[in-house]
Protein backbone atom coordinates (compact mmCIF):
# COMPACT_ATOMS: atom_id res chain seq x y z
CA UNK A 1 38.21 -64.50 89.14
CA UNK A 2 36.58 -64.19 85.86
CA UNK A 3 35.86 -67.38 84.20
CA UNK A 4 35.42 -68.20 80.45
CA UNK A 5 33.65 -70.84 78.64
CA UNK A 6 33.29 -71.11 74.98
CA UNK A 7 30.83 -74.08 72.70
CA UNK A 8 29.58 -74.79 69.80
CA UNK A 9 32.51 -75.31 67.39
CA UNK A 10 32.63 -78.59 65.39
CA UNK A 11 33.11 -80.28 62.14
CA UNK A 12 30.93 -78.18 59.02
CA UNK A 13 31.04 -77.70 55.46
CA UNK A 14 32.44 -74.93 53.74
CA UNK A 15 29.53 -72.84 52.95
CA UNK A 16 28.10 -73.69 56.73
CA UNK A 17 26.93 -71.70 59.68
CA UNK A 18 27.91 -71.95 63.31
CA UNK A 19 27.29 -70.10 66.18
CA UNK A 20 29.97 -69.61 69.08
CA UNK A 21 29.26 -68.96 72.53
CA UNK A 22 30.84 -67.68 75.50
CA UNK A 23 29.77 -67.77 78.83
CA UNK A 24 31.06 -65.32 81.48
CA UNK A 25 31.51 -65.84 85.23
CA UNK A 26 33.37 -64.66 88.22
CA UNK A 27 31.83 -60.85 87.93
CA UNK A 28 28.58 -59.00 88.66
CA UNK A 29 30.51 -56.27 86.27
CA UNK A 30 30.59 -58.46 83.42
CA UNK A 31 28.66 -56.10 81.14
CA UNK A 32 31.52 -53.04 81.89
CA UNK A 33 34.21 -55.43 79.85
CA UNK A 34 34.63 -55.26 76.17
CA UNK A 35 34.77 -58.93 74.93
CA UNK A 36 36.39 -60.46 71.80
CA UNK A 37 36.97 -63.40 69.91
CA UNK A 38 39.98 -64.31 68.61
CA UNK A 39 40.66 -67.67 66.39
CA UNK A 40 44.67 -69.33 66.41
CA UNK A 41 45.36 -71.96 63.30
CA UNK A 42 48.55 -74.13 63.64
CA UNK A 43 51.18 -72.57 62.62
CA UNK A 44 50.05 -68.78 62.84
CA UNK A 45 49.64 -66.18 65.66
CA UNK A 46 46.45 -65.67 67.32
CA UNK A 47 44.68 -63.35 65.82
CA UNK A 48 41.17 -61.70 66.31
CA UNK A 49 38.30 -61.88 64.88
CA UNK A 50 35.65 -59.80 65.92
CA UNK A 51 35.31 -57.64 69.62
CA UNK A 52 32.19 -55.61 70.71
CA UNK A 53 32.33 -53.09 73.51
CA UNK A 54 30.69 -52.59 76.42
CA UNK A 55 28.56 -50.08 74.49
CA UNK A 56 28.04 -52.25 72.01
CA UNK A 57 30.23 -51.04 69.10
CA UNK A 58 31.70 -53.71 66.89
CA UNK A 59 34.43 -54.43 65.06
CA UNK A 60 35.59 -57.22 62.42
CA UNK A 61 38.56 -58.06 60.73
CA UNK A 62 38.55 -57.81 57.03
CA UNK A 63 38.78 -61.84 56.18
CA UNK A 64 35.23 -62.04 58.36
CA UNK A 65 33.34 -58.80 57.75
CA UNK A 66 29.85 -59.61 56.38
CA UNK A 67 30.20 -63.34 56.89
CA UNK A 68 30.38 -63.26 60.74
CA UNK A 69 28.56 -61.33 63.75
CA UNK A 70 29.65 -61.14 67.30
CA UNK A 71 26.54 -60.09 70.14
CA UNK A 72 26.56 -59.92 73.41
CA UNK A 73 23.55 -60.55 76.17
CA UNK A 74 24.48 -59.03 78.82
CA UNK A 75 21.64 -59.97 81.03
CA UNK A 76 22.60 -63.46 81.03
CA UNK A 77 26.08 -62.91 80.61
CA UNK A 78 27.41 -64.48 77.17
CA UNK A 79 28.85 -63.63 74.37
CA UNK A 80 28.47 -64.77 70.52
CA UNK A 81 29.60 -65.40 67.47
CA UNK A 82 27.31 -66.46 64.78
CA UNK A 83 29.63 -67.93 61.84
CA UNK A 84 28.08 -67.96 58.43
CA UNK A 85 29.69 -68.86 54.60
CA UNK A 86 31.96 -70.85 56.75
CA UNK A 87 35.29 -71.22 54.50
CA UNK A 88 38.61 -73.75 54.96
CA UNK A 89 40.36 -71.10 56.32
CA UNK A 90 38.07 -70.36 59.37
CA UNK A 91 39.68 -73.57 60.44
CA UNK A 92 40.91 -72.47 64.08
CA UNK A 93 40.56 -72.85 67.65
CA UNK A 94 38.49 -70.06 68.50
CA UNK A 95 39.07 -68.34 71.96
CA UNK A 96 36.65 -65.91 73.64
CA UNK A 97 38.94 -62.67 75.61
CA UNK A 98 37.32 -60.31 77.95
CA UNK A 99 39.12 -57.14 79.07
CA UNK A 100 38.67 -54.33 81.18
CA UNK A 101 41.48 -52.08 81.66
CA UNK A 102 44.45 -54.30 82.19
CA UNK A 103 42.53 -57.01 83.44
CA UNK A 104 42.05 -59.47 80.47
CA UNK A 105 40.85 -63.07 80.77
CA UNK A 106 40.67 -65.79 78.08
CA UNK A 107 38.68 -68.75 77.48
CA UNK A 108 40.30 -72.67 76.92
CA UNK A 109 39.00 -72.55 73.20
CA UNK A 110 36.64 -74.46 71.12
CA UNK A 111 37.91 -75.96 67.69
CA UNK A 112 35.95 -75.07 64.10
CA UNK A 113 36.86 -77.05 61.59
CA UNK A 114 36.09 -76.30 58.10
CA UNK A 115 36.14 -79.34 55.45
CA UNK A 116 34.30 -81.39 52.99
């Protein structure tokens, strides 16, 4: 069974940076999965932040373009989200997602709080 474990969240001041990591385990076909980062703020629906295909193509929400970068290291079975110029509205629980066909898996989430 695929497992995703996020790490790297925390409290950061506006304008600061954080790097989230997602460790993938449970399948030897990890490089074939499309990977993504989603977030959910209190009272809001979960939304896409960024995703990256098995081939390395990336896609970003308009709200994070130019500030966030998604990447993957298939050898290490890791996916990263480098977040810069953070804003209070980026505060949310961030979730890692893996998708291959109809198989979708989620991590447990990591809290990111942007506040002075």
